[in-house]
N, C-alpha and C. Protein backbone atom coordinates (compact mmCIF):
# COMPACT_ATOMS: atom_id res chain seq x y z
N MET A 1 13.99 33.65 11.67
CA MET A 1 13.40 34.90 12.17
C MET A 1 13.52 35.96 11.07
N SER A 2 12.39 36.41 10.55
CA SER A 2 12.46 37.29 9.38
C SER A 2 12.44 38.77 9.74
N ILE A 3 11.91 39.15 10.90
CA ILE A 3 11.82 40.57 11.25
C ILE A 3 13.13 41.03 11.90
N VAL A 4 13.73 42.04 11.32
CA VAL A 4 14.97 42.61 11.85
C VAL A 4 14.78 44.12 11.99
N LEU A 5 15.11 44.64 13.15
CA LEU A 5 15.06 46.08 13.39
C LEU A 5 16.48 46.60 13.55
N TYR A 6 16.87 47.52 12.68
CA TYR A 6 18.16 48.20 12.83
C TYR A 6 17.97 49.23 13.93
N HIS A 7 18.79 49.10 14.96
CA HIS A 7 18.42 49.71 16.25
C HIS A 7 19.57 50.40 16.94
N HIS A 8 19.24 51.48 17.59
CA HIS A 8 20.09 52.10 18.61
C HIS A 8 19.14 52.69 19.65
N PRO A 9 19.45 52.54 20.94
CA PRO A 9 18.50 52.99 21.97
C PRO A 9 18.32 54.50 22.04
N PHE A 10 19.18 55.28 21.39
CA PHE A 10 19.03 56.73 21.36
C PHE A 10 18.42 57.19 20.03
N SER A 11 17.68 56.34 19.40
CA SER A 11 17.01 56.68 18.14
C SER A 11 15.53 56.33 18.25
N ARG A 12 14.78 56.69 17.22
CA ARG A 12 13.36 56.34 17.21
C ARG A 12 13.14 54.84 17.14
N ALA A 13 14.18 54.10 16.83
CA ALA A 13 14.07 52.64 16.83
C ALA A 13 13.71 52.12 18.22
N ALA A 14 14.05 52.88 19.26
CA ALA A 14 13.71 52.44 20.62
C ALA A 14 12.20 52.29 20.77
N ASN A 15 11.43 53.18 20.15
CA ASN A 15 9.97 53.09 20.23
C ASN A 15 9.44 51.94 19.37
N VAL A 16 10.16 51.61 18.30
CA VAL A 16 9.73 50.50 17.46
C VAL A 16 9.84 49.17 18.21
N VAL A 17 10.76 49.08 19.17
CA VAL A 17 10.85 47.88 19.99
C VAL A 17 9.51 47.66 20.71
N TRP A 18 8.91 48.74 21.17
CA TRP A 18 7.58 48.63 21.79
C TRP A 18 6.56 48.08 20.80
N MET A 19 6.58 48.62 19.60
CA MET A 19 5.66 48.13 18.56
C MET A 19 5.82 46.63 18.36
N LEU A 20 7.06 46.19 18.28
CA LEU A 20 7.33 44.78 18.04
C LEU A 20 6.88 43.92 19.22
N GLU A 21 7.05 44.42 20.42
CA GLU A 21 6.59 43.68 21.59
C GLU A 21 5.06 43.58 21.60
N GLU A 22 4.39 44.62 21.15
CA GLU A 22 2.93 44.56 21.07
C GLU A 22 2.48 43.55 20.02
N VAL A 23 3.19 43.49 18.92
CA VAL A 23 2.83 42.58 17.83
C VAL A 23 3.01 41.12 18.26
N GLY A 24 4.08 40.87 19.02
CA GLY A 24 4.29 39.53 19.55
C GLY A 24 4.94 38.54 18.59
N GLN A 25 5.47 39.03 17.46
CA GLN A 25 6.19 38.17 16.54
C GLN A 25 7.67 38.15 16.90
N PRO A 26 8.35 37.03 16.64
CA PRO A 26 9.80 37.00 16.89
C PRO A 26 10.52 38.06 16.06
N TYR A 27 11.52 38.67 16.66
CA TYR A 27 12.30 39.68 15.93
C TYR A 27 13.71 39.70 16.50
N GLU A 28 14.61 40.28 15.73
CA GLU A 28 15.96 40.47 16.23
C GLU A 28 16.38 41.92 16.02
N LEU A 29 17.29 42.38 16.85
CA LEU A 29 17.82 43.73 16.73
C LEU A 29 19.19 43.68 16.07
N SER A 30 19.37 44.53 15.09
CA SER A 30 20.68 44.67 14.44
C SER A 30 21.27 46.00 14.90
N PRO A 31 22.29 45.97 15.76
CA PRO A 31 22.80 47.21 16.33
C PRO A 31 23.49 48.09 15.30
N VAL A 32 23.20 49.38 15.39
CA VAL A 32 23.82 50.39 14.53
C VAL A 32 24.33 51.49 15.46
N ASP A 33 25.64 51.66 15.53
CA ASP A 33 26.22 52.62 16.47
C ASP A 33 26.16 54.02 15.87
N ILE A 34 25.06 54.70 16.12
CA ILE A 34 24.90 56.04 15.56
C ILE A 34 25.88 57.03 16.18
N MET A 35 26.39 56.71 17.37
CA MET A 35 27.36 57.60 18.01
C MET A 35 28.67 57.62 17.23
N LYS A 36 28.92 56.57 16.47
CA LYS A 36 30.13 56.49 15.65
C LYS A 36 29.83 56.66 14.16
N GLY A 37 28.61 57.08 13.85
CA GLY A 37 28.26 57.36 12.48
C GLY A 37 27.92 56.15 11.64
N ALA A 38 27.66 55.01 12.29
CA ALA A 38 27.40 53.78 11.53
C ALA A 38 26.10 53.85 10.73
N HIS A 39 25.21 54.78 11.07
CA HIS A 39 23.95 54.91 10.32
C HIS A 39 24.18 55.51 8.92
N LYS A 40 25.41 56.00 8.67
CA LYS A 40 25.75 56.53 7.36
C LYS A 40 26.58 55.54 6.55
N ALA A 41 26.77 54.34 7.08
CA ALA A 41 27.55 53.32 6.37
C ALA A 41 26.80 52.87 5.12
N PRO A 42 27.52 52.45 4.08
CA PRO A 42 26.88 52.09 2.81
C PRO A 42 25.77 51.04 2.94
N ASP A 43 25.95 50.04 3.81
CA ASP A 43 24.94 48.99 3.91
C ASP A 43 23.64 49.51 4.53
N VAL A 44 23.76 50.51 5.41
CA VAL A 44 22.57 51.11 6.02
C VAL A 44 21.90 52.07 5.03
N VAL A 45 22.71 52.89 4.37
CA VAL A 45 22.18 53.83 3.39
C VAL A 45 21.52 53.10 2.23
N ALA A 46 21.98 51.90 1.93
CA ALA A 46 21.35 51.11 0.87
C ALA A 46 19.91 50.76 1.23
N LEU A 47 19.63 50.62 2.53
CA LEU A 47 18.28 50.33 2.99
C LEU A 47 17.46 51.60 3.17
N ASN A 48 18.09 52.65 3.65
CA ASN A 48 17.42 53.93 3.84
C ASN A 48 18.35 55.04 3.37
N PRO A 49 18.11 55.60 2.20
CA PRO A 49 18.99 56.65 1.68
C PRO A 49 19.14 57.86 2.61
N MET A 50 18.20 58.03 3.55
CA MET A 50 18.33 59.12 4.51
C MET A 50 19.45 58.86 5.51
N GLY A 51 19.88 57.60 5.62
CA GLY A 51 20.91 57.27 6.59
C GLY A 51 20.46 57.48 8.01
N LYS A 52 19.20 57.08 8.29
CA LYS A 52 18.62 57.27 9.62
C LYS A 52 17.94 55.99 10.07
N LEU A 53 17.77 55.90 11.38
CA LEU A 53 17.00 54.82 11.98
C LEU A 53 15.64 55.40 12.39
N PRO A 54 14.62 54.53 12.47
CA PRO A 54 14.65 53.07 12.38
C PRO A 54 14.52 52.56 10.95
N ILE A 55 15.03 51.35 10.77
CA ILE A 55 14.83 50.58 9.55
C ILE A 55 14.36 49.20 9.98
N LEU A 56 13.29 48.73 9.38
CA LEU A 56 12.79 47.40 9.68
C LEU A 56 12.74 46.59 8.40
N THR A 57 13.25 45.37 8.47
CA THR A 57 13.10 44.45 7.34
C THR A 57 12.28 43.25 7.81
N ASP A 58 11.42 42.80 6.92
CA ASP A 58 10.55 41.66 7.20
C ASP A 58 10.56 40.81 5.94
N GLY A 59 11.47 39.84 5.90
CA GLY A 59 11.68 39.11 4.66
C GLY A 59 12.24 40.05 3.63
N ASP A 60 11.57 40.18 2.49
CA ASP A 60 12.03 41.07 1.43
C ASP A 60 11.54 42.51 1.61
N ALA A 61 10.65 42.73 2.56
CA ALA A 61 10.10 44.08 2.77
C ALA A 61 11.08 44.92 3.58
N VAL A 62 11.23 46.19 3.17
CA VAL A 62 12.05 47.15 3.90
C VAL A 62 11.16 48.36 4.20
N VAL A 63 11.06 48.71 5.47
CA VAL A 63 10.21 49.83 5.88
C VAL A 63 11.03 50.79 6.73
N THR A 64 10.91 52.08 6.44
CA THR A 64 11.51 53.11 7.28
C THR A 64 10.41 54.06 7.72
N GLU A 65 10.75 55.00 8.61
CA GLU A 65 9.83 55.96 9.20
C GLU A 65 8.95 55.25 10.24
N SER A 66 9.01 55.76 11.45
CA SER A 66 8.35 55.09 12.58
C SER A 66 6.87 54.84 12.36
N ALA A 67 6.16 55.85 11.87
CA ALA A 67 4.71 55.68 11.67
C ALA A 67 4.43 54.64 10.60
N ALA A 68 5.22 54.65 9.54
CA ALA A 68 5.05 53.65 8.48
C ALA A 68 5.31 52.25 9.01
N ILE A 69 6.33 52.12 9.85
CA ILE A 69 6.64 50.81 10.43
C ILE A 69 5.47 50.33 11.30
N ALA A 70 4.91 51.23 12.08
CA ALA A 70 3.77 50.86 12.93
C ALA A 70 2.60 50.38 12.11
N LEU A 71 2.26 51.12 11.06
CA LEU A 71 1.13 50.75 10.23
C LEU A 71 1.40 49.44 9.49
N TYR A 72 2.63 49.26 9.05
CA TYR A 72 3.00 48.01 8.38
C TYR A 72 2.84 46.83 9.33
N LEU A 73 3.41 46.96 10.53
CA LEU A 73 3.33 45.86 11.50
C LEU A 73 1.89 45.57 11.88
N GLY A 74 1.10 46.61 12.04
CA GLY A 74 -0.30 46.40 12.39
C GLY A 74 -1.05 45.64 11.32
N ASP A 75 -0.88 46.05 10.07
CA ASP A 75 -1.58 45.38 8.97
C ASP A 75 -1.03 43.98 8.71
N ARG A 76 0.27 43.83 8.84
CA ARG A 76 0.92 42.56 8.51
C ARG A 76 0.74 41.52 9.61
N HIS A 77 0.81 41.96 10.87
CA HIS A 77 0.84 41.00 11.97
C HIS A 77 -0.24 41.23 13.03
N GLY A 78 -1.07 42.26 12.86
CA GLY A 78 -2.13 42.50 13.85
C GLY A 78 -3.40 43.03 13.22
N TYR A 79 -3.64 42.63 11.99
CA TYR A 79 -4.80 43.14 11.25
C TYR A 79 -6.10 42.68 11.91
N GLY A 80 -6.93 43.67 12.21
CA GLY A 80 -8.19 43.37 12.89
C GLY A 80 -8.10 43.45 14.40
N THR A 81 -6.88 43.56 14.92
CA THR A 81 -6.69 43.71 16.36
C THR A 81 -5.90 44.99 16.64
N LEU A 82 -4.62 44.98 16.32
CA LEU A 82 -3.81 46.18 16.51
C LEU A 82 -4.03 47.21 15.41
N ALA A 83 -4.59 46.78 14.30
CA ALA A 83 -4.94 47.67 13.19
C ALA A 83 -6.38 47.40 12.78
N PRO A 84 -7.25 48.40 12.84
CA PRO A 84 -8.63 48.17 12.41
C PRO A 84 -8.68 47.75 10.94
N ARG A 85 -9.64 46.92 10.63
CA ARG A 85 -9.82 46.49 9.25
C ARG A 85 -10.25 47.67 8.38
N VAL A 86 -10.03 47.56 7.07
CA VAL A 86 -10.32 48.69 6.19
C VAL A 86 -11.81 49.01 6.14
N ASP A 87 -12.67 48.07 6.49
CA ASP A 87 -14.10 48.34 6.49
C ASP A 87 -14.63 48.73 7.87
N ASP A 88 -13.73 48.93 8.81
CA ASP A 88 -14.09 49.36 10.16
C ASP A 88 -14.01 50.89 10.22
N PRO A 89 -15.07 51.59 10.62
CA PRO A 89 -15.00 53.05 10.71
C PRO A 89 -13.88 53.56 11.60
N ALA A 90 -13.45 52.73 12.57
CA ALA A 90 -12.36 53.14 13.46
C ALA A 90 -11.04 53.30 12.70
N ARG A 91 -10.97 52.73 11.50
CA ARG A 91 -9.75 52.85 10.69
C ARG A 91 -9.43 54.32 10.41
N ALA A 92 -10.46 55.14 10.24
CA ALA A 92 -10.24 56.56 9.96
C ALA A 92 -9.54 57.25 11.12
N THR A 93 -10.04 57.02 12.34
CA THR A 93 -9.41 57.61 13.53
C THR A 93 -8.00 57.07 13.72
N TYR A 94 -7.83 55.81 13.47
CA TYR A 94 -6.52 55.14 13.57
C TYR A 94 -5.50 55.83 12.67
N LEU A 95 -5.86 56.05 11.41
CA LEU A 95 -4.94 56.68 10.48
C LEU A 95 -4.71 58.15 10.83
N ARG A 96 -5.76 58.80 11.25
CA ARG A 96 -5.65 60.23 11.59
C ARG A 96 -4.57 60.48 12.63
N TRP A 97 -4.65 59.78 13.75
CA TRP A 97 -3.71 60.07 14.83
C TRP A 97 -2.34 59.44 14.61
N SER A 98 -2.27 58.41 13.79
CA SER A 98 -0.96 57.85 13.43
C SER A 98 -0.14 58.88 12.65
N PHE A 99 -0.81 59.62 11.78
CA PHE A 99 -0.10 60.62 10.98
C PHE A 99 0.01 61.96 11.69
N PHE A 100 -0.86 62.21 12.65
CA PHE A 100 -0.83 63.48 13.37
C PHE A 100 0.49 63.65 14.13
N ALA A 101 1.00 62.56 14.68
CA ALA A 101 2.22 62.67 15.50
C ALA A 101 3.41 63.20 14.68
N PRO A 102 3.81 62.53 13.58
CA PRO A 102 4.96 63.05 12.84
C PRO A 102 4.66 64.29 12.01
N SER A 103 3.40 64.47 11.59
CA SER A 103 3.07 65.58 10.70
C SER A 103 2.75 66.88 11.42
N VAL A 104 2.24 66.77 12.66
CA VAL A 104 1.81 67.96 13.40
C VAL A 104 2.57 68.10 14.73
N VAL A 105 2.57 67.05 15.54
CA VAL A 105 3.15 67.19 16.89
C VAL A 105 4.65 67.46 16.84
N GLU A 106 5.38 66.67 16.07
CA GLU A 106 6.84 66.85 16.05
C GLU A 106 7.24 68.22 15.51
N PRO A 107 6.80 68.62 14.31
CA PRO A 107 7.20 69.95 13.85
C PRO A 107 6.58 71.07 14.69
N GLY A 108 5.36 70.86 15.20
CA GLY A 108 4.74 71.88 16.03
C GLY A 108 5.53 72.14 17.31
N ALA A 109 6.01 71.07 17.93
CA ALA A 109 6.81 71.22 19.14
C ALA A 109 8.15 71.88 18.83
N MET A 110 8.76 71.50 17.70
CA MET A 110 10.03 72.10 17.31
C MET A 110 9.85 73.59 17.01
N ALA A 111 8.76 73.93 16.34
CA ALA A 111 8.50 75.33 16.02
C ALA A 111 8.37 76.16 17.29
N LYS A 112 7.66 75.60 18.29
CA LYS A 112 7.48 76.30 19.56
C LYS A 112 8.80 76.45 20.30
N ALA A 113 9.57 75.37 20.37
CA ALA A 113 10.83 75.38 21.12
C ALA A 113 11.86 76.33 20.52
N ASN A 114 11.84 76.46 19.20
CA ASN A 114 12.86 77.27 18.52
C ASN A 114 12.34 78.61 18.02
N ALA A 115 11.11 78.94 18.44
CA ALA A 115 10.51 80.24 18.09
C ALA A 115 10.55 80.50 16.59
N TRP A 116 10.17 79.47 15.82
CA TRP A 116 10.13 79.65 14.37
C TRP A 116 9.11 80.71 13.99
N THR A 117 9.43 81.49 12.99
CA THR A 117 8.50 82.46 12.44
C THR A 117 7.88 81.88 11.17
N PHE A 118 6.56 81.78 11.15
CA PHE A 118 5.89 81.20 10.00
C PHE A 118 4.43 81.65 10.00
N LYS A 119 3.80 81.52 8.84
CA LYS A 119 2.37 81.80 8.74
C LYS A 119 1.61 80.52 9.03
N GLU A 120 0.75 80.58 10.04
CA GLU A 120 0.03 79.37 10.47
C GLU A 120 -0.73 78.70 9.33
N ALA A 121 -1.29 79.49 8.45
CA ALA A 121 -2.08 78.94 7.35
C ALA A 121 -1.22 78.16 6.36
N GLN A 122 0.09 78.42 6.38
CA GLN A 122 0.99 77.77 5.44
C GLN A 122 1.75 76.60 6.07
N ALA A 123 1.57 76.40 7.36
CA ALA A 123 2.29 75.33 8.07
C ALA A 123 1.31 74.22 8.42
N GLY A 124 1.69 73.00 8.12
CA GLY A 124 0.82 71.86 8.36
C GLY A 124 0.46 71.68 9.82
N TRP A 125 1.32 72.17 10.71
CA TRP A 125 1.07 71.97 12.14
C TRP A 125 0.27 73.11 12.75
N GLY A 126 0.08 74.20 12.03
CA GLY A 126 -0.81 75.26 12.45
C GLY A 126 -0.48 75.90 13.78
N ASN A 127 -1.50 76.12 14.57
CA ASN A 127 -1.39 76.83 15.85
C ASN A 127 -1.04 75.85 16.98
N HIS A 128 -0.07 76.21 17.80
CA HIS A 128 0.42 75.30 18.84
C HIS A 128 -0.66 75.01 19.89
N ASP A 129 -1.38 76.02 20.32
CA ASP A 129 -2.42 75.79 21.32
C ASP A 129 -3.55 74.92 20.77
N THR A 130 -3.88 75.12 19.51
CA THR A 130 -4.90 74.29 18.88
C THR A 130 -4.43 72.86 18.77
N MET A 131 -3.15 72.69 18.48
CA MET A 131 -2.57 71.36 18.41
C MET A 131 -2.71 70.64 19.75
N LEU A 132 -2.36 71.33 20.83
CA LEU A 132 -2.45 70.72 22.16
C LEU A 132 -3.89 70.39 22.53
N ALA A 133 -4.80 71.30 22.20
CA ALA A 133 -6.21 71.05 22.50
C ALA A 133 -6.72 69.84 21.71
N SER A 134 -6.28 69.70 20.49
CA SER A 134 -6.68 68.55 19.67
C SER A 134 -6.14 67.26 20.26
N MET A 135 -4.91 67.29 20.75
CA MET A 135 -4.32 66.12 21.37
C MET A 135 -5.08 65.72 22.62
N GLU A 136 -5.46 66.72 23.42
CA GLU A 136 -6.23 66.44 24.63
C GLU A 136 -7.56 65.77 24.29
N ARG A 137 -8.24 66.31 23.30
CA ARG A 137 -9.54 65.75 22.92
C ARG A 137 -9.40 64.31 22.43
N ALA A 138 -8.26 64.01 21.81
CA ALA A 138 -8.06 62.66 21.27
C ALA A 138 -7.97 61.62 22.36
N VAL A 139 -7.47 62.00 23.54
CA VAL A 139 -7.20 60.99 24.58
C VAL A 139 -8.02 61.16 25.85
N GLU A 140 -8.78 62.24 25.97
CA GLU A 140 -9.42 62.51 27.25
C GLU A 140 -10.49 61.49 27.63
N LYS A 141 -11.15 60.90 26.64
CA LYS A 141 -12.16 59.90 26.96
C LYS A 141 -11.53 58.54 27.21
N GLY A 142 -10.48 58.23 26.48
CA GLY A 142 -9.64 57.07 26.68
C GLY A 142 -10.38 55.74 26.82
N PRO A 143 -9.64 54.75 27.29
CA PRO A 143 -8.24 54.89 27.70
C PRO A 143 -7.26 55.05 26.54
N PHE A 144 -7.68 54.72 25.31
CA PHE A 144 -6.79 54.79 24.17
C PHE A 144 -7.42 55.64 23.07
N LEU A 145 -6.70 55.81 21.99
CA LEU A 145 -7.19 56.63 20.89
C LEU A 145 -8.47 56.08 20.29
N LEU A 146 -8.62 54.76 20.31
CA LEU A 146 -9.82 54.11 19.79
C LEU A 146 -10.73 53.66 20.93
N GLY A 147 -10.74 54.43 22.00
CA GLY A 147 -11.58 54.08 23.14
C GLY A 147 -10.98 52.94 23.94
N ASP A 148 -11.72 51.86 24.07
CA ASP A 148 -11.22 50.72 24.86
C ASP A 148 -10.21 49.87 24.11
N THR A 149 -10.04 50.12 22.82
CA THR A 149 -9.18 49.28 22.00
C THR A 149 -7.82 49.92 21.79
N PHE A 150 -6.77 49.24 22.24
CA PHE A 150 -5.40 49.68 21.97
C PHE A 150 -5.05 49.35 20.53
N SER A 151 -4.31 50.24 19.88
CA SER A 151 -3.89 50.01 18.50
C SER A 151 -2.48 50.53 18.28
N MET A 152 -1.96 50.24 17.10
CA MET A 152 -0.62 50.72 16.78
C MET A 152 -0.58 52.24 16.72
N ALA A 153 -1.72 52.88 16.52
CA ALA A 153 -1.75 54.34 16.57
C ALA A 153 -1.29 54.85 17.93
N ASP A 154 -1.59 54.11 19.00
CA ASP A 154 -1.13 54.50 20.33
C ASP A 154 0.38 54.40 20.45
N CYS A 155 0.98 53.45 19.73
CA CYS A 155 2.45 53.37 19.75
C CYS A 155 3.07 54.60 19.10
N VAL A 156 2.47 55.05 18.00
CA VAL A 156 3.01 56.21 17.28
C VAL A 156 2.72 57.50 18.05
N PHE A 157 1.44 57.77 18.23
CA PHE A 157 1.02 59.00 18.91
C PHE A 157 1.46 58.98 20.37
N GLY A 158 1.19 57.88 21.04
CA GLY A 158 1.53 57.78 22.46
C GLY A 158 3.02 57.77 22.71
N GLY A 159 3.77 57.13 21.82
CA GLY A 159 5.22 57.15 21.96
C GLY A 159 5.77 58.56 21.85
N THR A 160 5.20 59.35 20.94
CA THR A 160 5.61 60.74 20.78
C THR A 160 5.25 61.54 22.03
N VAL A 161 4.05 61.34 22.53
CA VAL A 161 3.62 62.06 23.74
C VAL A 161 4.52 61.72 24.92
N ARG A 162 4.79 60.45 25.12
CA ARG A 162 5.62 60.04 26.26
C ARG A 162 7.02 60.64 26.16
N TYR A 163 7.61 60.58 24.98
CA TYR A 163 8.96 61.11 24.78
C TYR A 163 8.97 62.61 25.05
N MET A 164 8.01 63.33 24.49
CA MET A 164 8.03 64.78 24.63
C MET A 164 7.69 65.23 26.04
N LEU A 165 6.86 64.50 26.74
CA LEU A 165 6.62 64.83 28.13
C LEU A 165 7.87 64.60 28.97
N THR A 166 8.57 63.51 28.70
CA THR A 166 9.80 63.20 29.44
C THR A 166 10.83 64.31 29.31
N PHE A 167 10.96 64.85 28.09
CA PHE A 167 11.98 65.86 27.83
C PHE A 167 11.40 67.28 27.83
N LYS A 168 10.21 67.42 28.43
CA LYS A 168 9.58 68.73 28.63
C LYS A 168 9.42 69.50 27.32
N MET A 169 9.04 68.77 26.28
CA MET A 169 8.79 69.38 24.98
C MET A 169 7.30 69.63 24.76
N LEU A 170 6.49 69.15 25.70
CA LEU A 170 5.04 69.37 25.65
C LEU A 170 4.56 69.86 27.01
N ASP A 171 3.55 70.70 26.98
CA ASP A 171 2.90 71.12 28.21
C ASP A 171 2.25 69.88 28.87
N PRO A 172 2.62 69.58 30.13
CA PRO A 172 2.10 68.37 30.78
C PRO A 172 0.65 68.51 31.22
N ARG A 173 -0.23 68.62 30.26
CA ARG A 173 -1.65 68.75 30.58
C ARG A 173 -2.17 67.42 31.13
N PRO A 174 -3.13 67.50 32.05
CA PRO A 174 -3.59 66.28 32.74
C PRO A 174 -4.02 65.16 31.82
N ALA A 175 -4.74 65.46 30.76
CA ALA A 175 -5.21 64.40 29.86
C ALA A 175 -4.04 63.69 29.19
N LEU A 176 -2.99 64.44 28.86
CA LEU A 176 -1.83 63.85 28.20
C LEU A 176 -0.99 63.03 29.17
N THR A 177 -0.79 63.54 30.38
CA THR A 177 0.00 62.79 31.35
C THR A 177 -0.73 61.52 31.79
N ALA A 178 -2.04 61.59 31.94
CA ALA A 178 -2.81 60.40 32.32
C ALA A 178 -2.74 59.35 31.22
N TYR A 179 -2.82 59.79 29.98
CA TYR A 179 -2.71 58.88 28.83
C TYR A 179 -1.33 58.21 28.82
N ALA A 180 -0.28 59.02 29.03
CA ALA A 180 1.07 58.47 29.06
C ALA A 180 1.24 57.44 30.17
N GLU A 181 0.63 57.69 31.30
CA GLU A 181 0.70 56.74 32.42
C GLU A 181 -0.02 55.44 32.09
N ARG A 182 -1.15 55.53 31.42
CA ARG A 182 -1.87 54.32 31.02
C ARG A 182 -1.02 53.48 30.06
N LEU A 183 -0.37 54.13 29.14
CA LEU A 183 0.49 53.40 28.21
C LEU A 183 1.67 52.77 28.95
N GLY A 184 2.21 53.49 29.91
CA GLY A 184 3.35 52.99 30.65
C GLY A 184 3.06 51.73 31.44
N ALA A 185 1.80 51.45 31.69
CA ALA A 185 1.42 50.24 32.43
C ALA A 185 1.32 49.02 31.53
N ARG A 186 1.45 49.19 30.23
CA ARG A 186 1.32 48.05 29.33
C ARG A 186 2.55 47.14 29.42
N PRO A 187 2.34 45.83 29.60
CA PRO A 187 3.48 44.91 29.72
C PRO A 187 4.42 44.96 28.52
N ALA A 188 3.89 45.12 27.32
CA ALA A 188 4.75 45.17 26.14
C ALA A 188 5.68 46.37 26.18
N LEU A 189 5.17 47.50 26.64
CA LEU A 189 6.01 48.69 26.75
C LEU A 189 7.06 48.50 27.83
N GLN A 190 6.69 47.88 28.91
CA GLN A 190 7.65 47.63 29.98
C GLN A 190 8.76 46.69 29.52
N ARG A 191 8.41 45.68 28.72
CA ARG A 191 9.43 44.79 28.17
C ARG A 191 10.36 45.56 27.23
N ALA A 192 9.79 46.42 26.42
CA ALA A 192 10.60 47.20 25.48
C ALA A 192 11.54 48.13 26.23
N GLU A 193 11.03 48.78 27.26
CA GLU A 193 11.88 49.70 28.02
C GLU A 193 13.01 48.95 28.71
N ALA A 194 12.72 47.76 29.21
CA ALA A 194 13.76 46.96 29.85
C ALA A 194 14.83 46.56 28.83
N ARG A 195 14.39 46.21 27.63
CA ARG A 195 15.37 45.80 26.62
C ARG A 195 16.23 46.98 26.19
N ASN A 196 15.61 48.13 25.97
CA ASN A 196 16.39 49.31 25.61
C ASN A 196 17.34 49.72 26.72
N ALA A 197 16.88 49.61 27.96
CA ALA A 197 17.74 49.97 29.10
C ALA A 197 18.94 49.04 29.20
N ALA A 198 18.71 47.75 28.96
CA ALA A 198 19.81 46.79 29.01
C ALA A 198 20.85 47.09 27.93
N ILE A 199 20.39 47.50 26.76
CA ILE A 199 21.32 47.82 25.68
C ILE A 199 22.08 49.10 26.00
N ARG A 200 21.40 50.09 26.56
CA ARG A 200 22.11 51.31 26.97
C ARG A 200 23.20 51.00 27.97
N LYS A 201 22.88 50.14 28.93
CA LYS A 201 23.87 49.77 29.94
C LYS A 201 25.04 49.04 29.30
N GLU A 202 24.74 48.14 28.39
CA GLU A 202 25.79 47.38 27.71
C GLU A 202 26.72 48.29 26.91
N LEU A 203 26.14 49.37 26.34
CA LEU A 203 26.92 50.31 25.54
C LEU A 203 27.56 51.41 26.38
N GLY A 204 27.28 51.42 27.68
CA GLY A 204 27.82 52.46 28.56
C GLY A 204 27.18 53.80 28.36
N LEU A 205 25.91 53.81 27.93
CA LEU A 205 25.20 55.05 27.68
C LEU A 205 24.37 55.43 28.90
N PRO A 206 24.12 56.71 29.09
CA PRO A 206 23.30 57.14 30.24
C PRO A 206 21.88 56.64 30.10
N GLY A 207 21.23 56.45 31.25
CA GLY A 207 19.86 55.95 31.26
C GLY A 207 18.84 57.00 30.96
């Protein structure tokens, strides 16, 4: 088994489990106790100098950053299905929303929650209301970002939406909540959630 995910259920690695379930390739989880600082251990930092999860290894390949892992898995193990081919016009939309989540949604939500003062023209995430409106437009026709085709972009963008709705970090607009519900019905996501829940229980962590 060549795919290994360095994992803790209270990290972004939890969402990568969903990605792996969608891909359908065998994988194993390598537990990293972030509650005890194990993500700063030399062997982990050797793989990711940031000392953060997720980290995925696939043979000799080492990938960090959730969006990068999703794109890697899509191209490596789902090219043409979970990842549009490079000559498919849908590839542009796929890349757009895969990067929108970490580049715009995450900092945009943090800026709103913490009342950051900044010039919109100088911030990559721009205006919060415009960000939300853009997110709504991306999913309102659905069912997925690429219309009828589910892709790894939904794992990245959709995983962010689901997390932020759960923790009330996003306005629960109807288009976003409906999209999150559609994703929640996917068997791969349900398997991932069950696996993460079992690990939380094993570690004595809250659900």
